[in-house]
Every structure is written in C-alpha cells, then in structure tokens.
C-alpha atoms as a PDB file:
ATOM      1  CA  MET A   1      34.366  90.819 -33.275  1.00  0.00           C
ATOM      2  CA  GLN A   2      31.168  89.813 -35.115  1.00  0.00           C
ATOM      3  CA  GLU A   3      33.069  87.484 -37.442  1.00  0.00           C
ATOM      4  CA  LYS A   4      34.801  85.731 -34.529  1.00  0.00           C
ATOM      5  CA  LEU A   5      31.539  85.413 -32.603  1.00  0.00           C
ATOM      6  CA  THR A   6      29.827  83.992 -35.701  1.00  0.00           C
ATOM      7  CA  GLU A   7      32.609  81.400 -36.064  1.00  0.00           C
ATOM      8  CA  PHE A   8      32.256  80.495 -32.377  1.00  0.00           C
ATOM      9  CA  LEU A   9      28.469  80.120 -32.585  1.00  0.00           C
ATOM     10  CA  THR A  10      28.695  78.103 -35.803  1.00  0.00           C
ATOM     11  CA  ALA A  11      31.142  75.641 -34.233  1.00  0.00           C
ATOM     12  CA  VAL A  12      29.227  75.284 -30.960  1.00  0.00           C
ATOM     13  CA  ILE A  13      25.844  74.816 -32.646  1.00  0.00           C
ATOM     14  CA  LYS A  14      27.367  72.239 -34.995  1.00  0.00           C
ATOM     15  CA  GLU A  15      28.868  70.388 -32.021  1.00  0.00           C
ATOM     16  CA  ALA A  16      25.530  70.397 -30.197  1.00  0.00           C
ATOM     17  CA  LYS A  17      23.740  68.974 -33.224  1.00  0.00           C
ATOM     18  CA  GLU A  18      26.316  66.474 -34.499  1.00  0.00           C
ATOM     19  CA  ASP A  19      28.565  65.278 -31.688  1.00  0.00           C
ATOM     20  CA  PRO A  20      27.209  62.060 -30.165  1.00  0.00           C
ATOM     21  CA  LYS A  21      28.399  62.902 -26.646  1.00  0.00           C
ATOM     22  CA  PRO A  22      26.731  65.546 -24.454  1.00  0.00           C
ATOM     23  CA  MET A  23      28.124  69.072 -24.741  1.00  0.00           C
ATOM     24  CA  GLY A  24      28.968  71.324 -21.821  1.00  0.00           C
ATOM     25  CA  CYS A  25      28.828  75.119 -21.603  1.00  0.00           C
ATOM     26  CA  HIS A  26      30.946  77.219 -24.004  1.00  0.00           C
ATOM     27  CA  ARG A  27      32.152  80.808 -23.532  1.00  0.00           C
ATOM     28  CA  PHE A  28      33.164  83.653 -25.869  1.00  0.00           C
ATOM     29  CA  ASP A  29      34.688  86.612 -24.003  1.00  0.00           C
ATOM     30  CA  LEU A  30      33.272  90.050 -24.763  1.00  0.00           C
ATOM     31  CA  ASP A  31      35.317  91.803 -22.092  1.00  0.00           C
ATOM     32  CA  ASP A  32      36.810  91.041 -18.691  1.00  0.00           C
ATOM     33  CA  LYS A  33      33.367  90.800 -17.036  1.00  0.00           C
ATOM     34  CA  LEU A  34      30.917  89.544 -19.685  1.00  0.00           C
ATOM     35  CA  GLY A  35      30.777  86.821 -22.271  1.00  0.00           C
ATOM     36  CA  VAL A  36      28.460  85.074 -24.687  1.00  0.00           C
ATOM     37  CA  TYR A  37      27.701  81.669 -23.217  1.00  0.00           C
ATOM     38  CA  VAL A  38      26.085  78.723 -24.981  1.00  0.00           C
ATOM     39  CA  GLY A  39      24.647  75.861 -22.972  1.00  0.00           C
ATOM     40  CA  TRP A  40      21.513  74.022 -21.919  1.00  0.00           C
ATOM     41  CA  LEU A  41      18.336  75.138 -20.133  1.00  0.00           C
ATOM     42  CA  ASN A  42      15.682  72.798 -18.724  1.00  0.00           C
ATOM     43  CA  GLY A  43      11.939  72.957 -19.228  1.00  0.00           C
ATOM     44  CA  TYR A  44      11.418  72.329 -22.936  1.00  0.00           C
ATOM     45  CA  ASP A  45       8.982  69.925 -24.569  1.00  0.00           C
ATOM     46  CA  PRO A  46      11.091  66.874 -25.504  1.00  0.00           C
ATOM     47  CA  LEU A  47       9.026  66.495 -28.691  1.00  0.00           C
ATOM     48  CA  ASP A  48       9.459  70.097 -29.913  1.00  0.00           C
ATOM     49  CA  PRO A  49      11.283  69.785 -33.251  1.00  0.00           C
ATOM     50  CA  SER A  50      12.134  73.503 -33.464  1.00  0.00           C
ATOM     51  CA  VAL A  51      14.789  73.474 -30.721  1.00  0.00           C
ATOM     52  CA  ILE A  52      18.118  71.668 -30.401  1.00  0.00           C
ATOM     53  CA  HIS A  53      17.695  69.121 -27.612  1.00  0.00           C
ATOM     54  CA  ALA A  54      20.432  67.732 -25.378  1.00  0.00           C
ATOM     55  CA  LYS A  55      21.142  64.171 -26.456  1.00  0.00           C
ATOM     56  CA  ASP A  56      21.085  62.760 -22.937  1.00  0.00           C
ATOM     57  CA  ALA A  57      18.145  64.867 -21.653  1.00  0.00           C
ATOM     58  CA  PRO A  58      15.619  65.941 -24.313  1.00  0.00           C
ATOM     59  CA  GLU A  59      13.826  68.320 -21.948  1.00  0.00           C
ATOM     60  CA  TRP A  60      16.939  70.524 -22.104  1.00  0.00           C
ATOM     61  CA  ALA A  61      17.444  72.828 -25.112  1.00  0.00           C
ATOM     62  CA  LEU A  62      20.418  74.799 -26.420  1.00  0.00           C
ATOM     63  CA  CYS A  63      20.397  78.459 -25.375  1.00  0.00           C
ATOM     64  CA  VAL A  64      22.686  81.442 -25.752  1.00  0.00           C
ATOM     65  CA  GLY A  65      22.995  84.575 -23.664  1.00  0.00           C
ATOM     66  CA  ILE A  66      25.267  87.265 -22.306  1.00  0.00           C
ATOM     67  CA  LYS A  67      26.340  86.334 -18.799  1.00  0.00           C
ATOM     68  CA  GLU A  68      28.790  87.456 -16.144  1.00  0.00           C
ATOM     69  CA  HIS A  69      32.002  85.466 -15.983  1.00  0.00           C
ATOM     70  CA  ALA A  70      32.004  83.053 -13.064  1.00  0.00           C
ATOM     71  CA  THR A  71      35.006  82.735 -10.770  1.00  0.00           C
ATOM     72  CA  TYR A  72      34.470  78.976 -11.032  1.00  0.00           C
ATOM     73  CA  TRP A  73      33.274  76.779 -13.859  1.00  0.00           C
ATOM     74  CA  ALA A  74      29.480  76.677 -14.025  1.00  0.00           C
ATOM     75  CA  GLU A  75      26.815  75.193 -16.217  1.00  0.00           C
ATOM     76  CA  TYR A  76      24.781  77.640 -18.291  1.00  0.00           C
ATOM     77  CA  ASP A  77      21.742  77.602 -16.011  1.00  0.00           C
ATOM     78  CA  ALA A  78      23.896  78.515 -13.001  1.00  0.00           C
ATOM     79  CA  LEU A  79      25.508  81.595 -14.582  1.00  0.00           C
ATOM     80  CA  THR A  80      24.502  85.117 -13.553  1.00  0.00           C
ATOM     81  CA  THR A  81      22.694  87.389 -15.986  1.00  0.00           C
ATOM     82  CA  PRO A  82      23.745  91.021 -15.446  1.00  0.00           C
ATOM     83  CA  VAL A  83      21.019  93.371 -14.225  1.00  0.00           C
ATOM     84  CA  ASN A  84      20.455  97.042 -15.028  1.00  0.00           C
ATOM     85  CA  ASP A  85      20.087  99.819 -12.451  1.00  0.00           C
ATOM     86  CA  ASN A  86      16.435  98.863 -11.855  1.00  0.00           C
ATOM     87  CA  GLY A  87      17.340  95.270 -10.993  1.00  0.00           C
ATOM     88  CA  VAL A  88      15.877  93.946 -14.248  1.00  0.00           C
ATOM     89  CA  PRO A  89      17.945  91.445 -16.263  1.00  0.00           C
ATOM     90  CA  ALA A  90      19.929  93.360 -18.872  1.00  0.00           C
ATOM     91  CA  PHE A  91      19.892  90.461 -21.359  1.00  0.00           C
ATOM     92  CA  ASP A  92      17.524  87.625 -22.180  1.00  0.00           C
ATOM     93  CA  ASP A  93      18.374  83.991 -22.781  1.00  0.00           C
ATOM     94  CA  ILE A  94      17.755  83.032 -26.399  1.00  0.00           C
ATOM     95  CA  THR A  95      16.649  79.539 -27.332  1.00  0.00           C
ATOM     96  CA  VAL A  96      18.692  78.401 -30.320  1.00  0.00           C
ATOM     97  CA  LEU A  97      16.264  77.113 -32.929  1.00  0.00           C
ATOM     98  CA  ASP A  98      17.235  74.397 -35.356  1.00  0.00           C
ATOM     99  CA  GLY A  99      17.282  76.791 -38.337  1.00  0.00           C
ATOM    100  CA  ASP A 100      18.909  79.813 -36.668  1.00  0.00           C
ATOM    101  CA  VAL A 101      21.662  81.561 -38.606  1.00  0.00           C
ATOM    102  CA  PRO A 102      24.745  82.065 -36.383  1.00  0.00           C
ATOM    103  CA  SER A 103      25.660  85.396 -38.017  1.00  0.00           C
ATOM    104  CA  MET A 104      22.228  86.812 -37.135  1.00  0.00           C
ATOM    105  CA  LEU A 105      22.533  85.571 -33.540  1.00  0.00           C
ATOM    106  CA  ALA A 106      25.995  87.173 -33.326  1.00  0.00           C
ATOM    107  CA  ARG A 107      24.724  90.493 -34.701  1.00  0.00           C
ATOM    108  CA  TYR A 108      21.820  90.533 -32.220  1.00  0.00           C
ATOM    109  CA  LEU A 109      23.987  89.635 -29.215  1.00  0.00           C
ATOM    110  CA  LEU A 110      26.604  92.281 -30.060  1.00  0.00           C
ATOM    111  CA  LYS A 111      23.892  94.911 -30.510  1.00  0.00           C
ATOM    112  CA  GLN A 112      22.472  94.046 -27.077  1.00  0.00           C
ATOM    113  CA  TYR A 113      25.966  94.176 -25.590  1.00  0.00           C
ATOM    114  CA  THR A 114      26.675  97.646 -27.003  1.00  0.00           C
ATOM    115  CA  LEU A 115      23.259  99.007 -25.957  1.00  0.00           C
ATOM    116  CA  ARG A 116      23.556  97.987 -22.301  1.00  0.00           C
END
C-alpha cells in the first residue's frame, strides 16, 4: 500500500505545483471508512515560500491528512477528522512543504493509520 500511496501523493503534489488551474480535493482510500485526503487549508502567509500555495488564493496551502469518507463530496477543510475515545483528533493535518518527499509522507501517514 505504501508504494501506491507514494505514487498518489507524488501525482497530486505535482499537479498542485505545476497545473495552472486550481486543484480540488483528492482521496486515497485506506479502508471503507478512512482515506488520505489532499487539499487546501486557509490561514497561511501568502508570502511563505516553504508551503505550496493555491494558485487562485495564496493564503491557502496544500495539506494532507487522514479523514473520514464523506457521504457527499466535500472540500478538504470540510472533511471530518476521526477522534479517539477521549474526543481528541486521532490524526493531524500536515502542511505539505515545497521540499517534502512523498514516500516519507506516505510512510508517516500509514504508520499513523496502523497505530490508531
């Protein structure tokens, strides 16, 4: 699964950086309830060179996280993060930095998924 997730992340990050049109949210299924989602979150410094900014809204940056599948299509910031028994989010959103290595992101996400 790590190889497939790495391929997915590589393609999505490349699209976000190189495609001239704005990118929507992308999903990689982990199981029937959870997936790795890649999309945009608001609140970033538009001049921060370390993040990948949305082309049409530079205050939005590319993020990845494990989210619950929605019964309808949703943007990344509207998706539900699973919570543990204490009501604390089980996974964190990760800001994709310009130099991030997709295979390392995939390894981290899969480790978090298996530890939940």
